[in-house]
Amino acid sequence: YSGEEDGDLEFAKSLSELGDIYINDAFGTAHRNHAS
Protein backbone atom coordinates (compact mmCIF):
# COMPACT_ATOMS: atom_id res chain seq x y z
CA TYR A 1 0.00 0.00 0.00
CA SER A 2 1.43 3.40 -0.98
CA GLY A 3 -0.05 4.79 2.23
CA GLU A 4 2.73 3.14 4.23
CA GLU A 5 5.61 5.11 2.75
CA ASP A 6 3.43 8.21 2.33
CA GLY A 7 2.73 8.27 6.08
CA ASP A 8 -0.99 8.25 5.29
CA LEU A 9 -3.25 8.89 8.29
CA GLU A 10 -6.16 6.77 7.02
CA PHE A 11 -3.86 3.82 6.33
CA ALA A 12 -2.43 4.13 9.85
CA LYS A 13 -5.95 4.32 11.29
CA SER A 14 -6.91 1.11 9.47
CA LEU A 15 -3.87 -0.62 10.97
CA SER A 16 -4.75 0.70 14.44
CA GLU A 17 -8.09 -1.13 14.36
CA LEU A 18 -6.27 -4.48 14.44
CA GLY A 19 -4.86 -4.32 17.96
CA ASP A 20 -5.19 -3.10 21.54
CA ILE A 21 -1.49 -2.35 22.08
CA TYR A 22 1.27 -1.13 19.77
CA ILE A 23 4.90 -2.23 20.14
CA ASN A 24 7.71 -0.95 17.93
CA ASP A 25 10.59 -3.38 17.65
CA ALA A 26 11.85 -2.24 14.24
CA PHE A 27 14.89 -0.03 14.74
CA GLY A 28 15.87 -0.47 11.11
CA THR A 29 12.86 1.61 10.03
CA ALA A 30 12.69 4.01 13.00
CA HIS A 31 14.27 6.81 10.96
CA ARG A 32 11.40 6.79 8.45
CA ASN A 33 8.20 8.73 9.12
CA HIS A 34 6.05 6.01 7.58
CA ALA A 35 2.49 5.16 8.58
CA SER A 36 3.40 2.11 10.68
PDB file of all heavy atoms in Angstrom:
ATOM      1  N   TYR A   1       0.848  -1.187   0.000  1.00  0.00           N
ATOM      2  CA  TYR A   1       0.000   0.000   0.000  1.00  0.00           C
ATOM      3  C   TYR A   1       0.887   1.240   0.000  1.00  0.00           C
ATOM      4  O   TYR A   1       1.784   1.368   0.843  1.00  0.00           O
ATOM      5  CB  TYR A   1      -0.912   0.023   1.229  1.00  0.00           C
ATOM      6  CG  TYR A   1      -2.019  -1.006   1.199  1.00  0.00           C
ATOM      7  CD1 TYR A   1      -1.817  -2.285   1.719  1.00  0.00           C
ATOM      8  CD2 TYR A   1      -3.263  -0.698   0.661  1.00  0.00           C
ATOM      9  CE1 TYR A   1      -2.830  -3.238   1.688  1.00  0.00           C
ATOM     10  CE2 TYR A   1      -4.287  -1.639   0.631  1.00  0.00           C
ATOM     11  CZ  TYR A   1      -4.063  -2.905   1.144  1.00  0.00           C
ATOM     12  OH  TYR A   1      -5.066  -3.843   1.109  1.00  0.00           O
ATOM     13  N   SER A   2       0.631   2.166  -0.905  1.00  0.00           N
ATOM     14  CA  SER A   2       1.429   3.396  -0.980  1.00  0.00           C
ATOM     15  C   SER A   2       1.289   4.237   0.280  1.00  0.00           C
ATOM     16  O   SER A   2       2.169   5.025   0.623  1.00  0.00           O
ATOM     17  CB  SER A   2       1.019   4.232  -2.202  1.00  0.00           C
ATOM     18  OG  SER A   2      -0.352   4.609  -2.118  1.00  0.00           O
ATOM     19  N   GLY A   3       0.181   4.039   1.001  1.00  0.00           N
ATOM     20  CA  GLY A   3      -0.051   4.794   2.233  1.00  0.00           C
ATOM     21  C   GLY A   3       1.004   4.561   3.296  1.00  0.00           C
ATOM     22  O   GLY A   3       1.205   5.409   4.170  1.00  0.00           O
ATOM     23  N   GLU A   4       1.682   3.420   3.244  1.00  0.00           N
ATOM     24  CA  GLU A   4       2.730   3.136   4.230  1.00  0.00           C
ATOM     25  C   GLU A   4       3.872   4.135   4.106  1.00  0.00           C
ATOM     26  O   GLU A   4       4.206   4.858   5.047  1.00  0.00           O
ATOM     27  CB  GLU A   4       3.236   1.697   4.074  1.00  0.00           C
ATOM     28  CG  GLU A   4       4.537   1.374   4.796  1.00  0.00           C
ATOM     29  CD  GLU A   4       4.497   1.492   6.310  1.00  0.00           C
ATOM     30  OE1 GLU A   4       3.437   1.813   6.890  1.00  0.00           O
ATOM     31  OE2 GLU A   4       5.549   1.265   6.927  1.00  0.00           O
ATOM     32  N   GLU A   5       4.474   4.208   2.926  1.00  0.00           N
ATOM     33  CA  GLU A   5       5.613   5.114   2.752  1.00  0.00           C
ATOM     34  C   GLU A   5       5.181   6.579   2.727  1.00  0.00           C
ATOM     35  O   GLU A   5       5.976   7.461   3.059  1.00  0.00           O
ATOM     36  CB  GLU A   5       6.378   4.760   1.474  1.00  0.00           C
ATOM     37  CG  GLU A   5       7.109   3.424   1.570  1.00  0.00           C
ATOM     38  CD  GLU A   5       7.976   3.152   0.360  1.00  0.00           C
ATOM     39  OE1 GLU A   5       9.136   3.613   0.358  1.00  0.00           O
ATOM     40  OE2 GLU A   5       7.492   2.487  -0.579  1.00  0.00           O
ATOM     41  N   ASP A   6       3.931   6.836   2.356  1.00  0.00           N
ATOM     42  CA  ASP A   6       3.429   8.212   2.328  1.00  0.00           C
ATOM     43  C   ASP A   6       3.099   8.736   3.723  1.00  0.00           C
ATOM     44  O   ASP A   6       2.801   9.931   3.887  1.00  0.00           O
ATOM     45  CB  ASP A   6       2.168   8.307   1.455  1.00  0.00           C
ATOM     46  CG  ASP A   6       2.465   8.065  -0.016  1.00  0.00           C
ATOM     47  OD1 ASP A   6       3.643   8.143  -0.399  1.00  0.00           O
ATOM     48  OD2 ASP A   6       1.511   7.773  -0.771  1.00  0.00           O
ATOM     49  N   GLY A   7       3.111   7.856   4.724  1.00  0.00           N
ATOM     50  CA  GLY A   7       2.728   8.272   6.076  1.00  0.00           C
ATOM     51  C   GLY A   7       1.256   8.652   6.148  1.00  0.00           C
ATOM     52  O   GLY A   7       0.868   9.580   6.864  1.00  0.00           O
ATOM     53  N   ASP A   8       0.424   7.927   5.413  1.00  0.00           N
ATOM     54  CA  ASP A   8      -0.994   8.254   5.287  1.00  0.00           C
ATOM     55  C   ASP A   8      -1.762   7.984   6.581  1.00  0.00           C
ATOM     56  O   ASP A   8      -1.696   6.889   7.155  1.00  0.00           O
ATOM     57  CB  ASP A   8      -1.595   7.428   4.141  1.00  0.00           C
ATOM     58  CG  ASP A   8      -3.049   7.778   3.898  1.00  0.00           C
ATOM     59  OD1 ASP A   8      -3.306   8.860   3.358  1.00  0.00           O
ATOM     60  OD2 ASP A   8      -3.922   6.959   4.268  1.00  0.00           O
ATOM     61  N   LEU A   9      -2.516   8.990   7.026  1.00  0.00           N
ATOM     62  CA  LEU A   9      -3.255   8.895   8.286  1.00  0.00           C
ATOM     63  C   LEU A   9      -4.339   7.831   8.234  1.00  0.00           C
ATOM     64  O   LEU A   9      -4.522   7.062   9.197  1.00  0.00           O
ATOM     65  CB  LEU A   9      -3.876  10.254   8.619  1.00  0.00           C
ATOM     66  CG  LEU A   9      -4.610  10.350   9.960  1.00  0.00           C
ATOM     67  CD1 LEU A   9      -3.637  10.190  11.123  1.00  0.00           C
ATOM     68  CD2 LEU A   9      -5.342  11.687  10.077  1.00  0.00           C
ATOM     69  N   GLU A  10      -5.071   7.743   7.132  1.00  0.00           N
ATOM     70  CA  GLU A  10      -6.156   6.766   7.017  1.00  0.00           C
ATOM     71  C   GLU A  10      -5.616   5.331   7.001  1.00  0.00           C
ATOM     72  O   GLU A  10      -6.223   4.428   7.579  1.00  0.00           O
ATOM     73  CB  GLU A  10      -6.986   7.031   5.759  1.00  0.00           C
ATOM     74  CG  GLU A  10      -7.888   8.247   5.865  1.00  0.00           C
ATOM     75  CD  GLU A  10      -8.836   8.167   7.064  1.00  0.00           C
ATOM     76  OE1 GLU A  10      -9.465   7.101   7.258  1.00  0.00           O
ATOM     77  OE2 GLU A  10      -8.935   9.152   7.811  1.00  0.00           O
ATOM     78  N   PHE A  11      -4.473   5.146   6.336  1.00  0.00           N
ATOM     79  CA  PHE A  11      -3.858   3.816   6.332  1.00  0.00           C
ATOM     80  C   PHE A  11      -3.436   3.436   7.746  1.00  0.00           C
ATOM     81  O   PHE A  11      -3.668   2.311   8.207  1.00  0.00           O
ATOM     82  CB  PHE A  11      -2.655   3.796   5.387  1.00  0.00           C
ATOM     83  CG  PHE A  11      -1.964   2.463   5.297  1.00  0.00           C
ATOM     84  CD1 PHE A  11      -2.587   1.374   4.708  1.00  0.00           C
ATOM     85  CD2 PHE A  11      -0.682   2.289   5.804  1.00  0.00           C
ATOM     86  CE1 PHE A  11      -1.950   0.130   4.622  1.00  0.00           C
ATOM     87  CE2 PHE A  11      -0.036   1.063   5.727  1.00  0.00           C
ATOM     88  CZ  PHE A  11      -0.675  -0.020   5.135  1.00  0.00           C
ATOM     89  N   ALA A  12      -2.842   4.385   8.461  1.00  0.00           N
ATOM     90  CA  ALA A  12      -2.428   4.134   9.849  1.00  0.00           C
ATOM     91  C   ALA A  12      -3.639   3.836  10.727  1.00  0.00           C
ATOM     92  O   ALA A  12      -3.601   2.941  11.582  1.00  0.00           O
ATOM     93  CB  ALA A  12      -1.664   5.338  10.388  1.00  0.00           C
ATOM     94  N   LYS A  13      -4.728   4.559  10.500  1.00  0.00           N
ATOM     95  CA  LYS A  13      -5.946   4.324  11.291  1.00  0.00           C
ATOM     96  C   LYS A  13      -6.476   2.920  11.053  1.00  0.00           C
ATOM     97  O   LYS A  13      -6.909   2.233  11.992  1.00  0.00           O
ATOM     98  CB  LYS A  13      -7.005   5.362  10.923  1.00  0.00           C
ATOM     99  CG  LYS A  13      -8.273   5.255  11.769  1.00  0.00           C
ATOM    100  CD  LYS A  13      -9.291   6.323  11.378  1.00  0.00           C
ATOM    101  CE  LYS A  13     -10.549   6.187  12.222  1.00  0.00           C
ATOM    102  NZ  LYS A  13     -11.582   7.191  11.832  1.00  0.00           N
ATOM    103  N   SER A  14      -6.452   2.459   9.784  1.00  0.00           N
ATOM    104  CA  SER A  14      -6.914   1.105   9.470  1.00  0.00           C
ATOM    105  C   SER A  14      -6.066   0.059  10.194  1.00  0.00           C
ATOM    106  O   SER A  14      -6.595  -0.934  10.702  1.00  0.00           O
ATOM    107  CB  SER A  14      -6.849   0.872   7.962  1.00  0.00           C
ATOM    108  OG  SER A  14      -7.743   1.715   7.280  1.00  0.00           O
ATOM    109  N   LEU A  15      -4.755   0.293  10.248  1.00  0.00           N
ATOM    110  CA  LEU A  15      -3.873  -0.619  10.974  1.00  0.00           C
ATOM    111  C   LEU A  15      -4.182  -0.607  12.469  1.00  0.00           C
ATOM    112  O   LEU A  15      -4.148  -1.654  13.137  1.00  0.00           O
ATOM    113  CB  LEU A  15      -2.401  -0.228  10.755  1.00  0.00           C
ATOM    114  CG  LEU A  15      -1.811  -0.454   9.360  1.00  0.00           C
ATOM    115  CD1 LEU A  15      -0.430   0.185   9.258  1.00  0.00           C
ATOM    116  CD2 LEU A  15      -1.721  -1.945   9.040  1.00  0.00           C
ATOM    117  N   SER A  16      -4.508   0.570  12.994  1.00  0.00           N
ATOM    118  CA  SER A  16      -4.749   0.704  14.441  1.00  0.00           C
ATOM    119  C   SER A  16      -5.945  -0.112  14.906  1.00  0.00           C
ATOM    120  O   SER A  16      -6.038  -0.481  16.082  1.00  0.00           O
ATOM    121  CB  SER A  16      -4.944   2.174  14.811  1.00  0.00           C
ATOM    122  OG  SER A  16      -6.213   2.652  14.389  1.00  0.00           O
ATOM    123  N   GLU A  17      -6.876  -0.389  13.995  1.00  0.00           N
ATOM    124  CA  GLU A  17      -8.094  -1.128  14.358  1.00  0.00           C
ATOM    125  C   GLU A  17      -7.839  -2.617  14.570  1.00  0.00           C
ATOM    126  O   GLU A  17      -8.737  -3.350  14.966  1.00  0.00           O
ATOM    127  CB  GLU A  17      -9.143  -0.922  13.252  1.00  0.00           C
ATOM    128  CG  GLU A  17      -9.612   0.522  13.149  1.00  0.00           C
ATOM    129  CD  GLU A  17     -10.434   0.797  11.891  1.00  0.00           C
ATOM    130  OE1 GLU A  17     -10.512  -0.124  11.032  1.00  0.00           O
ATOM    131  OE2 GLU A  17     -10.969   1.909  11.756  1.00  0.00           O
ATOM    132  N   LEU A  18      -6.588  -3.050  14.338  1.00  0.00           N
ATOM    133  CA  LEU A  18      -6.268  -4.480  14.442  1.00  0.00           C
ATOM    134  C   LEU A  18      -5.815  -4.891  15.837  1.00  0.00           C
ATOM    135  O   LEU A  18      -5.795  -6.081  16.147  1.00  0.00           O
ATOM    136  CB  LEU A  18      -5.178  -4.841  13.431  1.00  0.00           C
ATOM    137  CG  LEU A  18      -5.454  -4.483  11.966  1.00  0.00           C
ATOM    138  CD1 LEU A  18      -4.251  -4.836  11.101  1.00  0.00           C
ATOM    139  CD2 LEU A  18      -6.705  -5.197  11.458  1.00  0.00           C
ATOM    140  N   GLY A  19      -5.424  -3.943  16.670  1.00  0.00           N
ATOM    141  CA  GLY A  19      -4.857  -4.323  17.962  1.00  0.00           C
ATOM    142  C   GLY A  19      -5.238  -3.411  19.110  1.00  0.00           C
ATOM    143  O   GLY A  19      -5.774  -2.316  18.912  1.00  0.00           O
ATOM    144  N   ASP A  20      -4.928  -3.877  20.327  1.00  0.00           N
ATOM    145  CA  ASP A  20      -5.190  -3.095  21.543  1.00  0.00           C
ATOM    146  C   ASP A  20      -3.939  -2.336  21.986  1.00  0.00           C
ATOM    147  O   ASP A  20      -4.032  -1.302  22.650  1.00  0.00           O
ATOM    148  CB  ASP A  20      -5.609  -4.027  22.693  1.00  0.00           C
ATOM    149  CG  ASP A  20      -6.770  -4.920  22.320  1.00  0.00           C
ATOM    150  OD1 ASP A  20      -7.792  -4.378  21.859  1.00  0.00           O
ATOM    151  OD2 ASP A  20      -6.651  -6.158  22.462  1.00  0.00           O
ATOM    152  N   ILE A  21      -2.778  -2.894  21.631  1.00  0.00           N
ATOM    153  CA  ILE A  21      -1.492  -2.352  22.078  1.00  0.00           C
ATOM    154  C   ILE A  21      -0.553  -2.298  20.881  1.00  0.00           C
ATOM    155  O   ILE A  21      -0.604  -3.165  20.002  1.00  0.00           O
ATOM    156  CB  ILE A  21      -0.888  -3.236  23.197  1.00  0.00           C
ATOM    157  CG1 ILE A  21      -1.685  -3.069  24.499  1.00  0.00           C
ATOM    158  CG2 ILE A  21       0.592  -2.941  23.429  1.00  0.00           C
ATOM    159  CD1 ILE A  21      -1.271  -4.031  25.604  1.00  0.00           C
ATOM    160  N   TYR A  22       0.285  -1.263  20.845  1.00  0.00           N
ATOM    161  CA  TYR A  22       1.269  -1.129  19.770  1.00  0.00           C
ATOM    162  C   TYR A  22       2.680  -1.218  20.353  1.00  0.00           C
ATOM    163  O   TYR A  22       3.014  -0.528  21.320  1.00  0.00           O
ATOM    164  CB  TYR A  22       1.111   0.211  19.059  1.00  0.00           C
ATOM    165  CG  TYR A  22       2.200   0.506  18.042  1.00  0.00           C
ATOM    166  CD1 TYR A  22       2.116   0.052  16.728  1.00  0.00           C
ATOM    167  CD2 TYR A  22       3.329   1.249  18.405  1.00  0.00           C
ATOM    168  CE1 TYR A  22       3.108   0.328  15.796  1.00  0.00           C
ATOM    169  CE2 TYR A  22       4.332   1.530  17.472  1.00  0.00           C
ATOM    170  CZ  TYR A  22       4.221   1.065  16.180  1.00  0.00           C
ATOM    171  OH  TYR A  22       5.208   1.329  15.261  1.00  0.00           O
ATOM    172  N   ILE A  23       3.497  -2.087  19.747  1.00  0.00           N
ATOM    173  CA  ILE A  23       4.904  -2.226  20.137  1.00  0.00           C
ATOM    174  C   ILE A  23       5.766  -1.996  18.899  1.00  0.00           C
ATOM    175  O   ILE A  23       5.533  -2.596  17.851  1.00  0.00           O
ATOM    176  CB  ILE A  23       5.207  -3.635  20.701  1.00  0.00           C
ATOM    177  CG1 ILE A  23       4.331  -3.944  21.918  1.00  0.00           C
ATOM    178  CG2 ILE A  23       6.691  -3.763  21.040  1.00  0.00           C
ATOM    179  CD1 ILE A  23       4.594  -3.077  23.127  1.00  0.00           C
ATOM    180  N   ASN A  24       6.748  -1.123  19.021  1.00  0.00           N
ATOM    181  CA  ASN A  24       7.707  -0.948  17.931  1.00  0.00           C
ATOM    182  C   ASN A  24       8.989  -1.685  18.292  1.00  0.00           C
ATOM    183  O   ASN A  24       9.612  -1.401  19.311  1.00  0.00           O
ATOM    184  CB  ASN A  24       8.015   0.529  17.685  1.00  0.00           C
ATOM    185  CG  ASN A  24       8.790   0.739  16.386  1.00  0.00           C
ATOM    186  OD1 ASN A  24       9.435  -0.173  15.873  1.00  0.00           O
ATOM    187  ND2 ASN A  24       8.730   1.950  15.846  1.00  0.00           N
ATOM    188  N   ASP A  25       9.348  -2.638  17.454  1.00  0.00           N
ATOM    189  CA  ASP A  25      10.594  -3.384  17.654  1.00  0.00           C
ATOM    190  C   ASP A  25      11.422  -3.369  16.367  1.00  0.00           C
ATOM    191  O   ASP A  25      12.213  -4.276  16.120  1.00  0.00           O
ATOM    192  CB  ASP A  25      10.289  -4.830  18.070  1.00  0.00           C
ATOM    193  CG  ASP A  25      11.397  -5.425  18.930  1.00  0.00           C
ATOM    194  OD1 ASP A  25      11.983  -4.674  19.734  1.00  0.00           O
ATOM    195  OD2 ASP A  25      11.661  -6.633  18.807  1.00  0.00           O
ATOM    196  N   ALA A  26      11.210  -2.317  15.557  1.00  0.00           N
ATOM    197  CA  ALA A  26      11.848  -2.245  14.240  1.00  0.00           C
ATOM    198  C   ALA A  26      12.779  -1.037  14.160  1.00  0.00           C
ATOM    199  O   ALA A  26      12.451  -0.020  13.555  1.00  0.00           O
ATOM    200  CB  ALA A  26      10.779  -2.160  13.149  1.00  0.00           C
ATOM    201  N   PHE A  27      13.951  -1.152  14.765  1.00  0.00           N
ATOM    202  CA  PHE A  27      14.887  -0.025  14.745  1.00  0.00           C
ATOM    203  C   PHE A  27      15.314   0.324  13.327  1.00  0.00           C
ATOM    204  O   PHE A  27      15.544   1.490  13.007  1.00  0.00           O
ATOM    205  CB  PHE A  27      16.115  -0.353  15.596  1.00  0.00           C
ATOM    206  CG  PHE A  27      17.106   0.783  15.659  1.00  0.00           C
ATOM    207  CD1 PHE A  27      16.815   1.933  16.369  1.00  0.00           C
ATOM    208  CD2 PHE A  27      18.331   0.701  15.003  1.00  0.00           C
ATOM    209  CE1 PHE A  27      17.714   2.987  16.414  1.00  0.00           C
ATOM    210  CE2 PHE A  27      19.239   1.744  15.052  1.00  0.00           C
ATOM    211  CZ  PHE A  27      18.925   2.892  15.765  1.00  0.00           C
ATOM    212  N   GLY A  28      15.403  -0.695  12.473  1.00  0.00           N
ATOM    213  CA  GLY A  28      15.866  -0.471  11.107  1.00  0.00           C
ATOM    214  C   GLY A  28      14.991   0.472  10.301  1.00  0.00           C
ATOM    215  O   GLY A  28      15.430   1.013   9.276  1.00  0.00           O
ATOM    216  N   THR A  29      13.748   0.695  10.741  1.00  0.00           N
ATOM    217  CA  THR A  29      12.856   1.614  10.031  1.00  0.00           C
ATOM    218  C   THR A  29      12.459   2.814  10.894  1.00  0.00           C
ATOM    219  O   THR A  29      11.620   3.622  10.503  1.00  0.00           O
ATOM    220  CB  THR A  29      11.565   0.889   9.586  1.00  0.00           C
ATOM    221  OG1 THR A  29      10.863   0.417  10.742  1.00  0.00           O
ATOM    222  CG2 THR A  29      11.877  -0.291   8.685  1.00  0.00           C
ATOM    223  N   ALA A  30      13.077   2.951  12.056  1.00  0.00           N
ATOM    224  CA  ALA A  30      12.687   4.007  12.998  1.00  0.00           C
ATOM    225  C   ALA A  30      13.013   5.410  12.488  1.00  0.00           C
ATOM    226  O   ALA A  30      12.463   6.394  12.980  1.00  0.00           O
ATOM    227  CB  ALA A  30      13.364   3.779  14.351  1.00  0.00           C
ATOM    228  N   HIS A  31      13.913   5.489  11.492  1.00  0.00           N
ATOM    229  CA  HIS A  31      14.266   6.810  10.957  1.00  0.00           C
ATOM    230  C   HIS A  31      13.325   7.260   9.846  1.00  0.00           C
ATOM    231  O   HIS A  31      13.493   8.357   9.297  1.00  0.00           O
ATOM    232  CB  HIS A  31      15.709   6.809  10.440  1.00  0.00           C
ATOM    233  CG  HIS A  31      15.989   5.816   9.353  1.00  0.00           C
ATOM    234  ND1 HIS A  31      15.627   4.493   9.439  1.00  0.00           N
ATOM    235  CD2 HIS A  31      16.587   5.956   8.142  1.00  0.00           C
ATOM    236  CE1 HIS A  31      16.008   3.865   8.337  1.00  0.00           C
ATOM    237  NE2 HIS A  31      16.578   4.732   7.538  1.00  0.00           N
ATOM    238  N   ARG A  32      12.332   6.441   9.516  1.00  0.00           N
ATOM    239  CA  ARG A  32      11.400   6.788   8.452  1.00  0.00           C
ATOM    240  C   ARG A  32      10.033   7.159   9.055  1.00  0.00           C
ATOM    241  O   ARG A  32       9.494   6.420   9.876  1.00  0.00           O
ATOM    242  CB  ARG A  32      11.240   5.614   7.489  1.00  0.00           C
ATOM    243  CG  ARG A  32      12.570   5.144   6.910  1.00  0.00           C
ATOM    244  CD  ARG A  32      12.361   4.157   5.775  1.00  0.00           C
ATOM    245  NE  ARG A  32      13.615   3.554   5.327  1.00  0.00           N
ATOM    246  CZ  ARG A  32      14.500   4.159   4.544  1.00  0.00           C
ATOM    247  NH1 ARG A  32      14.277   5.390   4.135  1.00  0.00           N
ATOM    248  NH2 ARG A  32      15.609   3.545   4.181  1.00  0.00           N
ATOM    249  N   ASN A  33       9.495   8.281   8.603  1.00  0.00           N
ATOM    250  CA  ASN A  33       8.198   8.728   9.123  1.00  0.00           C
ATOM    251  C   ASN A  33       7.068   8.093   8.304  1.00  0.00           C
ATOM    252  O   ASN A  33       6.267   8.771   7.682  1.00  0.00           O
ATOM    253  CB  ASN A  33       8.108  10.254   9.065  1.00  0.00           C
ATOM    254  CG  ASN A  33       6.967  10.779   9.918  1.00  0.00           C
ATOM    255  OD1 ASN A  33       6.556  10.148  10.894  1.00  0.00           O
ATOM    256  ND2 ASN A  33       6.436  11.928   9.552  1.00  0.00           N
ATOM    257  N   HIS A  34       7.056   6.753   8.325  1.00  0.00           N
ATOM    258  CA  HIS A  34       6.047   6.009   7.583  1.00  0.00           C
ATOM    259  C   HIS A  34       4.818   5.779   8.460  1.00  0.00           C
ATOM    260  O   HIS A  34       4.856   5.992   9.674  1.00  0.00           O
ATOM    261  CB  HIS A  34       6.629   4.688   7.092  1.00  0.00           C
ATOM    262  CG  HIS A  34       7.650   4.868   5.995  1.00  0.00           C
ATOM    263  ND1 HIS A  34       8.404   3.826   5.495  1.00  0.00           N
ATOM    264  CD2 HIS A  34       8.036   5.968   5.293  1.00  0.00           C
ATOM    265  CE1 HIS A  34       9.206   4.278   4.546  1.00  0.00           C
ATOM    266  NE2 HIS A  34       9.004   5.573   4.409  1.00  0.00           N
ATOM    267  N   ALA A  35       3.759   5.317   7.843  1.00  0.00           N
ATOM    268  CA  ALA A  35       2.494   5.156   8.576  1.00  0.00           C
ATOM    269  C   ALA A  35       2.642   4.244   9.783  1.00  0.00           C
ATOM    270  O   ALA A  35       2.147   4.550  10.866  1.00  0.00           O
ATOM    271  CB  ALA A  35       1.414   4.630   7.632  1.00  0.00           C
ATOM    272  N   SER A  36       3.322   3.112   9.607  1.00  0.00           N
ATOM    273  CA  SER A  36       3.396   2.106  10.679  1.00  0.00           C
ATOM    274  C   SER A  36       4.396   2.456  11.766  1.00  0.00           C
ATOM    275  O   SER A  36       4.410   1.818  12.827  1.00  0.00           O
ATOM    276  CB  SER A  36       3.739   0.737  10.084  1.00  0.00           C
ATOM    277  OG  SER A  36       5.053   0.745   9.553  1.00  0.00           O
TER     278      SER A  36
END
